[in-house]
PDB file of all heavy atoms in Angstrom:
ATOM      1  N   ASN A   1      15.631  -3.129  -7.595  1.00  0.00           N
ATOM      2  CA  ASN A   1      16.184  -4.121  -6.662  1.00  0.00           C
ATOM      3  C   ASN A   1      15.166  -5.170  -6.233  1.00  0.00           C
ATOM      4  O   ASN A   1      15.352  -5.833  -5.211  1.00  0.00           O
ATOM      5  CB  ASN A   1      16.707  -3.397  -5.405  1.00  0.00           C
ATOM      6  CG  ASN A   1      17.878  -2.491  -5.726  1.00  0.00           C
ATOM      7  OD1 ASN A   1      18.801  -2.893  -6.445  1.00  0.00           O
ATOM      8  ND2 ASN A   1      17.856  -1.274  -5.214  1.00  0.00           N
ATOM      9  N   SER A   2      14.108  -5.331  -7.013  1.00  0.00           N
ATOM     10  CA  SER A   2      13.038  -6.246  -6.609  1.00  0.00           C
ATOM     11  C   SER A   2      13.404  -7.694  -6.921  1.00  0.00           C
ATOM     12  O   SER A   2      14.069  -7.995  -7.915  1.00  0.00           O
ATOM     13  CB  SER A   2      11.731  -5.881  -7.338  1.00  0.00           C
ATOM     14  OG  SER A   2      10.717  -6.793  -6.978  1.00  0.00           O
ATOM     15  N   LYS A   3      12.909  -8.582  -6.065  1.00  0.00           N
ATOM     16  CA  LYS A   3      13.106 -10.019  -6.282  1.00  0.00           C
ATOM     17  C   LYS A   3      11.886 -10.658  -6.944  1.00  0.00           C
ATOM     18  O   LYS A   3      11.865 -11.868  -7.184  1.00  0.00           O
ATOM     19  CB  LYS A   3      13.405 -10.715  -4.949  1.00  0.00           C
ATOM     20  CG  LYS A   3      14.745 -10.299  -4.337  1.00  0.00           C
ATOM     21  CD  LYS A   3      15.004 -11.012  -3.024  1.00  0.00           C
ATOM     22  CE  LYS A   3      16.403 -10.735  -2.506  1.00  0.00           C
ATOM     23  NZ  LYS A   3      16.634  -9.323  -2.189  1.00  0.00           N
ATOM     24  N   PHE A   4      10.886  -9.839  -7.257  1.00  0.00           N
ATOM     25  CA  PHE A   4       9.708 -10.349  -7.962  1.00  0.00           C
ATOM     26  C   PHE A   4      10.063 -10.675  -9.410  1.00  0.00           C
ATOM     27  O   PHE A   4      11.007 -10.096  -9.972  1.00  0.00           O
ATOM     28  CB  PHE A   4       8.566  -9.327  -7.934  1.00  0.00           C
ATOM     29  CG  PHE A   4       7.916  -9.156  -6.600  1.00  0.00           C
ATOM     30  CD1 PHE A   4       7.962  -7.923  -5.945  1.00  0.00           C
ATOM     31  CD2 PHE A   4       7.245 -10.198  -5.990  1.00  0.00           C
ATOM     32  CE1 PHE A   4       7.351  -7.745  -4.714  1.00  0.00           C
ATOM     33  CE2 PHE A   4       6.639 -10.030  -4.751  1.00  0.00           C
ATOM     34  CZ  PHE A   4       6.687  -8.801  -4.108  1.00  0.00           C
ATOM     35  N   THR A   5       9.299 -11.570 -10.013  1.00  0.00           N
ATOM     36  CA  THR A   5       9.475 -11.865 -11.438  1.00  0.00           C
ATOM     37  C   THR A   5       8.920 -10.709 -12.265  1.00  0.00           C
ATOM     38  O   THR A   5       8.138  -9.890 -11.763  1.00  0.00           O
ATOM     39  CB  THR A   5       8.741 -13.152 -11.833  1.00  0.00           C
ATOM     40  OG1 THR A   5       7.321 -12.918 -11.671  1.00  0.00           O
ATOM     41  CG2 THR A   5       9.170 -14.331 -10.981  1.00  0.00           C
ATOM     42  N   ASP A   6       9.266 -10.659 -13.540  1.00  0.00           N
ATOM     43  CA  ASP A   6       8.759  -9.611 -14.433  1.00  0.00           C
ATOM     44  C   ASP A   6       7.240  -9.664 -14.505  1.00  0.00           C
ATOM     45  O   ASP A   6       6.572  -8.619 -14.562  1.00  0.00           O
ATOM     46  CB  ASP A   6       9.354  -9.776 -15.837  1.00  0.00           C
ATOM     47  CG  ASP A   6      10.825  -9.410 -15.873  1.00  0.00           C
ATOM     48  OD1 ASP A   6      11.311  -8.803 -14.894  1.00  0.00           O
ATOM     49  OD2 ASP A   6      11.504  -9.751 -16.867  1.00  0.00           O
ATOM     50  N   GLU A   7       6.677 -10.878 -14.516  1.00  0.00           N
ATOM     51  CA  GLU A   7       5.220 -11.028 -14.587  1.00  0.00           C
ATOM     52  C   GLU A   7       4.555 -10.456 -13.329  1.00  0.00           C
ATOM     53  O   GLU A   7       3.527  -9.783 -13.409  1.00  0.00           O
ATOM     54  CB  GLU A   7       4.827 -12.510 -14.767  1.00  0.00           C
ATOM     55  CG  GLU A   7       5.173 -13.116 -16.111  1.00  0.00           C
ATOM     56  CD  GLU A   7       6.651 -13.461 -16.238  1.00  0.00           C
ATOM     57  OE1 GLU A   7       7.374 -13.460 -15.191  1.00  0.00           O
ATOM     58  OE2 GLU A   7       7.085 -13.724 -17.381  1.00  0.00           O
ATOM     59  N   GLU A   8       5.160 -10.765 -12.171  1.00  0.00           N
ATOM     60  CA  GLU A   8       4.601 -10.245 -10.906  1.00  0.00           C
ATOM     61  C   GLU A   8       4.706  -8.725 -10.851  1.00  0.00           C
ATOM     62  O   GLU A   8       3.766  -8.044 -10.402  1.00  0.00           O
ATOM     63  CB  GLU A   8       5.351 -10.868  -9.724  1.00  0.00           C
ATOM     64  CG  GLU A   8       5.037 -12.321  -9.493  1.00  0.00           C
ATOM     65  CD  GLU A   8       5.970 -12.972  -8.489  1.00  0.00           C
ATOM     66  OE1 GLU A   8       7.140 -12.557  -8.378  1.00  0.00           O
ATOM     67  OE2 GLU A   8       5.527 -13.933  -7.811  1.00  0.00           O
ATOM     68  N   ILE A   9       5.818  -8.180 -11.333  1.00  0.00           N
ATOM     69  CA  ILE A   9       5.996  -6.728 -11.352  1.00  0.00           C
ATOM     70  C   ILE A   9       4.976  -6.067 -12.251  1.00  0.00           C
ATOM     71  O   ILE A   9       4.407  -5.016 -11.910  1.00  0.00           O
ATOM     72  CB  ILE A   9       7.442  -6.364 -11.772  1.00  0.00           C
ATOM     73  CG1 ILE A   9       8.428  -6.742 -10.650  1.00  0.00           C
ATOM     74  CG2 ILE A   9       7.561  -4.869 -12.086  1.00  0.00           C
ATOM     75  CD1 ILE A   9       9.880  -6.583 -11.010  1.00  0.00           C
ATOM     76  N   ASP A  10       4.706  -6.669 -13.398  1.00  0.00           N
ATOM     77  CA  ASP A  10       3.688  -6.128 -14.319  1.00  0.00           C
ATOM     78  C   ASP A  10       2.327  -6.063 -13.636  1.00  0.00           C
ATOM     79  O   ASP A  10       1.586  -5.080 -13.797  1.00  0.00           O
ATOM     80  CB  ASP A  10       3.596  -6.981 -15.584  1.00  0.00           C
ATOM     81  CG  ASP A  10       4.793  -6.802 -16.502  1.00  0.00           C
ATOM     82  OD1 ASP A  10       5.540  -5.802 -16.320  1.00  0.00           O
ATOM     83  OD2 ASP A  10       4.998  -7.652 -17.392  1.00  0.00           O
ATOM     84  N   GLU A  11       1.995  -7.095 -12.874  1.00  0.00           N
ATOM     85  CA  GLU A  11       0.699  -7.137 -12.197  1.00  0.00           C
ATOM     86  C   GLU A  11       0.637  -6.097 -11.086  1.00  0.00           C
ATOM     87  O   GLU A  11      -0.358  -5.370 -10.929  1.00  0.00           O
ATOM     88  CB  GLU A  11       0.483  -8.547 -11.618  1.00  0.00           C
ATOM     89  CG  GLU A  11      -0.944  -8.776 -11.147  1.00  0.00           C
ATOM     90  CD  GLU A  11      -1.172 -10.235 -10.744  1.00  0.00           C
ATOM     91  OE1 GLU A  11      -0.581 -11.128 -11.367  1.00  0.00           O
ATOM     92  OE2 GLU A  11      -1.954 -10.435  -9.791  1.00  0.00           O
ATOM     93  N   ILE A  12       1.718  -5.998 -10.303  1.00  0.00           N
ATOM     94  CA  ILE A  12       1.792  -5.025  -9.219  1.00  0.00           C
ATOM     95  C   ILE A  12       1.708  -3.603  -9.797  1.00  0.00           C
ATOM     96  O   ILE A  12       1.049  -2.726  -9.231  1.00  0.00           O
ATOM     97  CB  ILE A  12       3.080  -5.203  -8.406  1.00  0.00           C
ATOM     98  CG1 ILE A  12       3.010  -6.509  -7.613  1.00  0.00           C
ATOM     99  CG2 ILE A  12       3.295  -4.032  -7.450  1.00  0.00           C
ATOM    100  CD1 ILE A  12       4.328  -6.932  -6.991  1.00  0.00           C
ATOM    101  N   ASP A  13       2.373  -3.387 -10.935  1.00  0.00           N
ATOM    102  CA  ASP A  13       2.398  -2.073 -11.570  1.00  0.00           C
ATOM    103  C   ASP A  13       0.995  -1.577 -11.878  1.00  0.00           C
ATOM    104  O   ASP A  13       0.677  -0.397 -11.728  1.00  0.00           O
ATOM    105  CB  ASP A  13       3.222  -2.179 -12.858  1.00  0.00           C
ATOM    106  CG  ASP A  13       3.513  -0.813 -13.462  1.00  0.00           C
ATOM    107  OD1 ASP A  13       3.780   0.138 -12.704  1.00  0.00           O
ATOM    108  OD2 ASP A  13       3.453  -0.675 -14.697  1.00  0.00           O
ATOM    109  N   ILE A  14       0.130  -2.485 -12.293  1.00  0.00           N
ATOM    110  CA  ILE A  14      -1.250  -2.137 -12.627  1.00  0.00           C
ATOM    111  C   ILE A  14      -2.067  -1.842 -11.360  1.00  0.00           C
ATOM    112  O   ILE A  14      -2.862  -0.907 -11.311  1.00  0.00           O
ATOM    113  CB  ILE A  14      -1.915  -3.290 -13.431  1.00  0.00           C
ATOM    114  CG1 ILE A  14      -1.241  -3.423 -14.803  1.00  0.00           C
ATOM    115  CG2 ILE A  14      -3.410  -3.038 -13.591  1.00  0.00           C
ATOM    116  CD1 ILE A  14      -1.604  -4.698 -15.533  1.00  0.00           C
ATOM    117  N   GLU A  15      -1.829  -2.631 -10.327  1.00  0.00           N
ATOM    118  CA  GLU A  15      -2.668  -2.539  -9.118  1.00  0.00           C
ATOM    119  C   GLU A  15      -2.198  -1.465  -8.129  1.00  0.00           C
ATOM    120  O   GLU A  15      -2.989  -0.948  -7.338  1.00  0.00           O
ATOM    121  CB  GLU A  15      -2.677  -3.895  -8.397  1.00  0.00           C
ATOM    122  CG  GLU A  15      -3.343  -5.007  -9.206  1.00  0.00           C
ATOM    123  CD  GLU A  15      -3.254  -6.355  -8.497  1.00  0.00           C
ATOM    124  OE1 GLU A  15      -2.548  -6.440  -7.466  1.00  0.00           O
ATOM    125  OE2 GLU A  15      -3.890  -7.307  -8.978  1.00  0.00           O
ATOM    126  N   ALA A  16      -0.914  -1.119  -8.176  1.00  0.00           N
ATOM    127  CA  ALA A  16      -0.336  -0.229  -7.156  1.00  0.00           C
ATOM    128  C   ALA A  16      -1.087   1.091  -6.956  1.00  0.00           C
ATOM    129  O   ALA A  16      -1.333   1.482  -5.802  1.00  0.00           O
ATOM    130  CB  ALA A  16       1.138   0.042  -7.467  1.00  0.00           C
ATOM    131  N   PRO A  17      -1.467   1.818  -8.035  1.00  0.00           N
ATOM    132  CA  PRO A  17      -2.129   3.112  -7.801  1.00  0.00           C
ATOM    133  C   PRO A  17      -3.394   3.020  -6.959  1.00  0.00           C
ATOM    134  O   PRO A  17      -3.685   3.919  -6.168  1.00  0.00           O
ATOM    135  CB  PRO A  17      -2.464   3.588  -9.234  1.00  0.00           C
ATOM    136  CG  PRO A  17      -1.448   2.917 -10.098  1.00  0.00           C
ATOM    137  CD  PRO A  17      -1.235   1.567  -9.476  1.00  0.00           C
ATOM    138  N   ASP A  18      -4.135   1.900  -7.100  1.00  0.00           N
ATOM    139  CA  ASP A  18      -5.369   1.759  -6.343  1.00  0.00           C
ATOM    140  C   ASP A  18      -5.125   1.175  -4.954  1.00  0.00           C
ATOM    141  O   ASP A  18      -5.943   1.359  -4.051  1.00  0.00           O
ATOM    142  CB  ASP A  18      -6.350   0.859  -7.100  1.00  0.00           C
ATOM    143  CG  ASP A  18      -6.831   1.493  -8.389  1.00  0.00           C
ATOM    144  OD1 ASP A  18      -7.051   2.718  -8.384  1.00  0.00           O
ATOM    145  OD2 ASP A  18      -6.956   0.792  -9.407  1.00  0.00           O
ATOM    146  N   LEU A  19      -3.995   0.498  -4.756  1.00  0.00           N
ATOM    147  CA  LEU A  19      -3.692  -0.110  -3.456  1.00  0.00           C
ATOM    148  C   LEU A  19      -3.081   0.908  -2.485  1.00  0.00           C
ATOM    149  O   LEU A  19      -3.275   0.807  -1.274  1.00  0.00           O
ATOM    150  CB  LEU A  19      -2.716  -1.283  -3.632  1.00  0.00           C
ATOM    151  CG  LEU A  19      -3.257  -2.522  -4.347  1.00  0.00           C
ATOM    152  CD1 LEU A  19      -2.134  -3.522  -4.566  1.00  0.00           C
ATOM    153  CD2 LEU A  19      -4.391  -3.165  -3.549  1.00  0.00           C
ATOM    154  N   ILE A  20      -2.340   1.875  -3.009  1.00  0.00           N
ATOM    155  CA  ILE A  20      -1.592   2.799  -2.148  1.00  0.00           C
ATOM    156  C   ILE A  20      -2.487   3.568  -1.160  1.00  0.00           C
ATOM    157  O   ILE A  20      -2.143   3.661   0.022  1.00  0.00           O
ATOM    158  CB  ILE A  20      -0.736   3.751  -3.014  1.00  0.00           C
ATOM    159  CG1 ILE A  20       0.479   2.960  -3.566  1.00  0.00           C
ATOM    160  CG2 ILE A  20      -0.258   4.973  -2.230  1.00  0.00           C
ATOM    161  CD1 ILE A  20       1.287   3.688  -4.615  1.00  0.00           C
ATOM    162  N   PRO A  21      -3.641   4.129  -1.556  1.00  0.00           N
ATOM    163  CA  PRO A  21      -4.464   4.832  -0.555  1.00  0.00           C
ATOM    164  C   PRO A  21      -4.909   3.919   0.590  1.00  0.00           C
ATOM    165  O   PRO A  21      -4.941   4.336   1.750  1.00  0.00           O
ATOM    166  CB  PRO A  21      -5.675   5.325  -1.358  1.00  0.00           C
ATOM    167  CG  PRO A  21      -5.184   5.383  -2.773  1.00  0.00           C
ATOM    168  CD  PRO A  21      -4.216   4.253  -2.911  1.00  0.00           C
ATOM    169  N   ASN A  22      -5.223   2.641   0.277  1.00  0.00           N
ATOM    170  CA  ASN A  22      -5.578   1.698   1.322  1.00  0.00           C
ATOM    171  C   ASN A  22      -4.388   1.417   2.232  1.00  0.00           C
ATOM    172  O   ASN A  22      -4.544   1.270   3.445  1.00  0.00           O
ATOM    173  CB  ASN A  22      -6.040   0.372   0.683  1.00  0.00           C
ATOM    174  CG  ASN A  22      -7.522   0.394   0.329  1.00  0.00           C
ATOM    175  OD1 ASN A  22      -8.354   0.747   1.156  1.00  0.00           O
ATOM    176  ND2 ASN A  22      -7.837   0.021  -0.885  1.00  0.00           N
ATOM    177  N   CYS A  23      -3.209   1.338   1.648  1.00  0.00           N
ATOM    178  CA  CYS A  23      -1.989   1.119   2.436  1.00  0.00           C
ATOM    179  C   CYS A  23      -1.797   2.248   3.456  1.00  0.00           C
ATOM    180  O   CYS A  23      -1.519   1.999   4.626  1.00  0.00           O
ATOM    181  CB  CYS A  23      -0.761   1.064   1.517  1.00  0.00           C
ATOM    182  SG  CYS A  23      -0.653  -0.406   0.481  1.00  0.00           S
ATOM    183  N   VAL A  24      -1.972   3.487   2.981  1.00  0.00           N
ATOM    184  CA  VAL A  24      -1.776   4.638   3.877  1.00  0.00           C
ATOM    185  C   VAL A  24      -2.812   4.611   5.008  1.00  0.00           C
ATOM    186  O   VAL A  24      -2.474   4.840   6.174  1.00  0.00           O
ATOM    187  CB  VAL A  24      -1.853   5.966   3.091  1.00  0.00           C
ATOM    188  CG1 VAL A  24      -1.823   7.158   4.031  1.00  0.00           C
ATOM    189  CG2 VAL A  24      -0.711   6.049   2.072  1.00  0.00           C
ATOM    190  N   ALA A  25      -4.068   4.310   4.664  1.00  0.00           N
ATOM    191  CA  ALA A  25      -5.123   4.271   5.681  1.00  0.00           C
ATOM    192  C   ALA A  25      -4.809   3.205   6.740  1.00  0.00           C
ATOM    193  O   ALA A  25      -4.992   3.424   7.932  1.00  0.00           O
ATOM    194  CB  ALA A  25      -6.482   3.992   5.023  1.00  0.00           C
ATOM    195  N   THR A  26      -4.344   2.056   6.292  1.00  0.00           N
ATOM    196  CA  THR A  26      -3.992   0.969   7.219  1.00  0.00           C
ATOM    197  C   THR A  26      -2.876   1.384   8.150  1.00  0.00           C
ATOM    198  O   THR A  26      -2.922   1.154   9.364  1.00  0.00           O
ATOM    199  CB  THR A  26      -3.569  -0.298   6.421  1.00  0.00           C
ATOM    200  OG1 THR A  26      -4.660  -0.704   5.590  1.00  0.00           O
ATOM    201  CG2 THR A  26      -3.179  -1.426   7.347  1.00  0.00           C
ATOM    202  N   ILE A  27      -1.832   2.014   7.594  1.00  0.00           N
ATOM    203  CA  ILE A  27      -0.686   2.456   8.401  1.00  0.00           C
ATOM    204  C   ILE A  27      -1.115   3.514   9.417  1.00  0.00           C
ATOM    205  O   ILE A  27      -0.714   3.486  10.580  1.00  0.00           O
ATOM    206  CB  ILE A  27       0.431   2.988   7.498  1.00  0.00           C
ATOM    207  CG1 ILE A  27       1.072   1.834   6.711  1.00  0.00           C
ATOM    208  CG2 ILE A  27       1.504   3.745   8.305  1.00  0.00           C
ATOM    209  CD1 ILE A  27       2.004   2.289   5.595  1.00  0.00           C
ATOM    210  N   LEU A  28      -1.965   4.461   8.984  1.00  0.00           N
ATOM    211  CA  LEU A  28      -2.377   5.550   9.863  1.00  0.00           C
ATOM    212  C   LEU A  28      -3.104   5.045  11.113  1.00  0.00           C
ATOM    213  O   LEU A  28      -3.002   5.645  12.187  1.00  0.00           O
ATOM    214  CB  LEU A  28      -3.259   6.540   9.113  1.00  0.00           C
ATOM    215  CG  LEU A  28      -2.549   7.448   8.101  1.00  0.00           C
ATOM    216  CD1 LEU A  28      -3.573   8.244   7.288  1.00  0.00           C
ATOM    217  CD2 LEU A  28      -1.583   8.394   8.787  1.00  0.00           C
ATOM    218  N   HIS A  29      -3.831   3.939  10.991  1.00  0.00           N
ATOM    219  CA  HIS A  29      -4.527   3.381  12.154  1.00  0.00           C
ATOM    220  C   HIS A  29      -3.549   3.035  13.262  1.00  0.00           C
ATOM    221  O   HIS A  29      -3.855   3.154  14.451  1.00  0.00           O
ATOM    222  CB  HIS A  29      -5.307   2.137  11.750  1.00  0.00           C
ATOM    223  CG  HIS A  29      -6.667   2.447  11.228  1.00  0.00           C
ATOM    224  ND1 HIS A  29      -7.689   2.866  12.041  1.00  0.00           N
ATOM    225  CD2 HIS A  29      -7.166   2.429   9.967  1.00  0.00           C
ATOM    226  CE1 HIS A  29      -8.763   3.095  11.303  1.00  0.00           C
ATOM    227  NE2 HIS A  29      -8.464   2.850  10.045  1.00  0.00           N
ATOM    228  N   GLN A  30      -2.349   2.575  12.884  1.00  0.00           N
ATOM    229  CA  GLN A  30      -1.357   2.166  13.859  1.00  0.00           C
ATOM    230  C   GLN A  30      -0.394   3.311  14.215  1.00  0.00           C
ATOM    231  O   GLN A  30      -0.025   3.484  15.367  1.00  0.00           O
ATOM    232  CB  GLN A  30      -0.549   0.991  13.316  1.00  0.00           C
ATOM    233  CG  GLN A  30      -1.357  -0.258  13.068  1.00  0.00           C
ATOM    234  CD  GLN A  30      -1.470  -1.144  14.290  1.00  0.00           C
ATOM    235  OE1 GLN A  30      -0.474  -1.423  14.954  1.00  0.00           O
ATOM    236  NE2 GLN A  30      -2.668  -1.597  14.603  1.00  0.00           N
ATOM    237  N   SER A  31       0.005   4.070  13.194  1.00  0.00           N
ATOM    238  CA  SER A  31       1.025   5.093  13.435  1.00  0.00           C
ATOM    239  C   SER A  31       0.454   6.383  14.021  1.00  0.00           C
ATOM    240  O   SER A  31       1.155   7.105  14.734  1.00  0.00           O
ATOM    241  CB  SER A  31       1.775   5.400  12.124  1.00  0.00           C
ATOM    242  OG  SER A  31       0.937   6.077  11.192  1.00  0.00           O
ATOM    243  N   ARG A  32      -0.803   6.677  13.690  1.00  0.00           N
ATOM    244  CA  ARG A  32      -1.437   7.910  14.192  1.00  0.00           C
ATOM    245  C   ARG A  32      -2.816   7.581  14.780  1.00  0.00           C
ATOM    246  O   ARG A  32      -3.852   7.995  14.260  1.00  0.00           O
ATOM    247  CB  ARG A  32      -1.595   8.922  13.031  1.00  0.00           C
ATOM    248  CG  ARG A  32      -0.300   9.347  12.341  1.00  0.00           C
ATOM    249  CD  ARG A  32       0.543  10.276  13.207  1.00  0.00           C
ATOM    250  NE  ARG A  32      -0.208  11.418  13.682  1.00  0.00           N
ATOM    251  CZ  ARG A  32      -0.438  12.531  12.954  1.00  0.00           C
ATOM    252  NH1 ARG A  32       0.049  12.631  11.732  1.00  0.00           N
ATOM    253  NH2 ARG A  32      -1.123  13.528  13.460  1.00  0.00           N
ATOM    254  N   PRO A  33      -2.853   6.810  15.868  1.00  0.00           N
ATOM    255  CA  PRO A  33      -4.131   6.371  16.431  1.00  0.00           C
ATOM    256  C   PRO A  33      -5.035   7.525  16.840  1.00  0.00           C
ATOM    257  O   PRO A  33      -6.270   7.387  16.855  1.00  0.00           O
ATOM    258  CB  PRO A  33      -3.731   5.535  17.636  1.00  0.00           C
ATOM    259  CG  PRO A  33      -2.321   5.938  17.966  1.00  0.00           C
ATOM    260  CD  PRO A  33      -1.709   6.319  16.650  1.00  0.00           C
ATOM    261  N   GLU A  34      -4.425   8.679  17.155  1.00  0.00           N
ATOM    262  CA  GLU A  34      -5.263   9.841  17.531  1.00  0.00           C
ATOM    263  C   GLU A  34      -6.120  10.304  16.358  1.00  0.00           C
ATOM    264  O   GLU A  34      -7.230  10.807  16.531  1.00  0.00           O
ATOM    265  CB  GLU A  34      -4.387  10.986  18.063  1.00  0.00           C
ATOM    266  CG  GLU A  34      -3.607  11.782  17.006  1.00  0.00           C
ATOM    267  CD  GLU A  34      -2.320  11.104  16.539  1.00  0.00           C
ATOM    268  OE1 GLU A  34      -2.085   9.938  16.914  1.00  0.00           O
ATOM    269  OE2 GLU A  34      -1.551  11.742  15.811  1.00  0.00           O
ATOM    270  N   LEU A  35      -5.623  10.118  15.125  1.00  0.00           N
ATOM    271  CA  LEU A  35      -6.417  10.465  13.948  1.00  0.00           C
ATOM    272  C   LEU A  35      -7.572   9.500  13.782  1.00  0.00           C
ATOM    273  O   LEU A  35      -8.690   9.891  13.457  1.00  0.00           O
ATOM    274  CB  LEU A  35      -5.542  10.442  12.670  1.00  0.00           C
ATOM    275  CG  LEU A  35      -4.504  11.525  12.509  1.00  0.00           C
ATOM    276  CD1 LEU A  35      -3.793  11.367  11.179  1.00  0.00           C
ATOM    277  CD2 LEU A  35      -5.132  12.916  12.592  1.00  0.00           C
ATOM    278  N   ALA A  36      -7.295   8.220  13.979  1.00  0.00           N
ATOM    279  CA  ALA A  36      -8.357   7.213  13.858  1.00  0.00           C
ATOM    280  C   ALA A  36      -9.468   7.496  14.841  1.00  0.00           C
ATOM    281  O   ALA A  36     -10.655   7.345  14.517  1.00  0.00           O
ATOM    282  CB  ALA A  36      -7.769   5.819  14.105  1.00  0.00           C
ATOM    283  N   GLY A  37      -9.112   7.948  16.043  1.00  0.00           N
ATOM    284  CA  GLY A  37     -10.132   8.292  17.041  1.00  0.00           C
ATOM    285  C   GLY A  37     -10.964   9.473  16.610  1.00  0.00           C
ATOM    286  O   GLY A  37     -12.178   9.507  16.795  1.00  0.00           O
ATOM    287  N   THR A  38     -10.331  10.470  15.977  1.00  0.00           N
ATOM    288  CA  THR A  38     -11.050  11.653  15.493  1.00  0.00           C
ATOM    289  C   THR A  38     -12.039  11.280  14.400  1.00  0.00           C
ATOM    290  O   THR A  38     -13.187  11.731  14.391  1.00  0.00           O
ATOM    291  CB  THR A  38     -10.055  12.691  14.924  1.00  0.00           C
ATOM    292  OG1 THR A  38      -9.125  13.022  15.932  1.00  0.00           O
ATOM    293  CG2 THR A  38     -10.787  13.964  14.484  1.00  0.00           C
TER     294      THR A  38
END
C-alpha cells in the first residue's frame, strides 16, 4: 500500500535493516523515558 516509487522502495529495502534499531532507540526515548534514565 505504499505511495513510494519502485526506485524509492528499492532504496528503502536496502537501508531498512540498519535503520530499524535506530528507529526503536529513538521511539524508546519518548515512549519509555524511565528506560532512558536508567
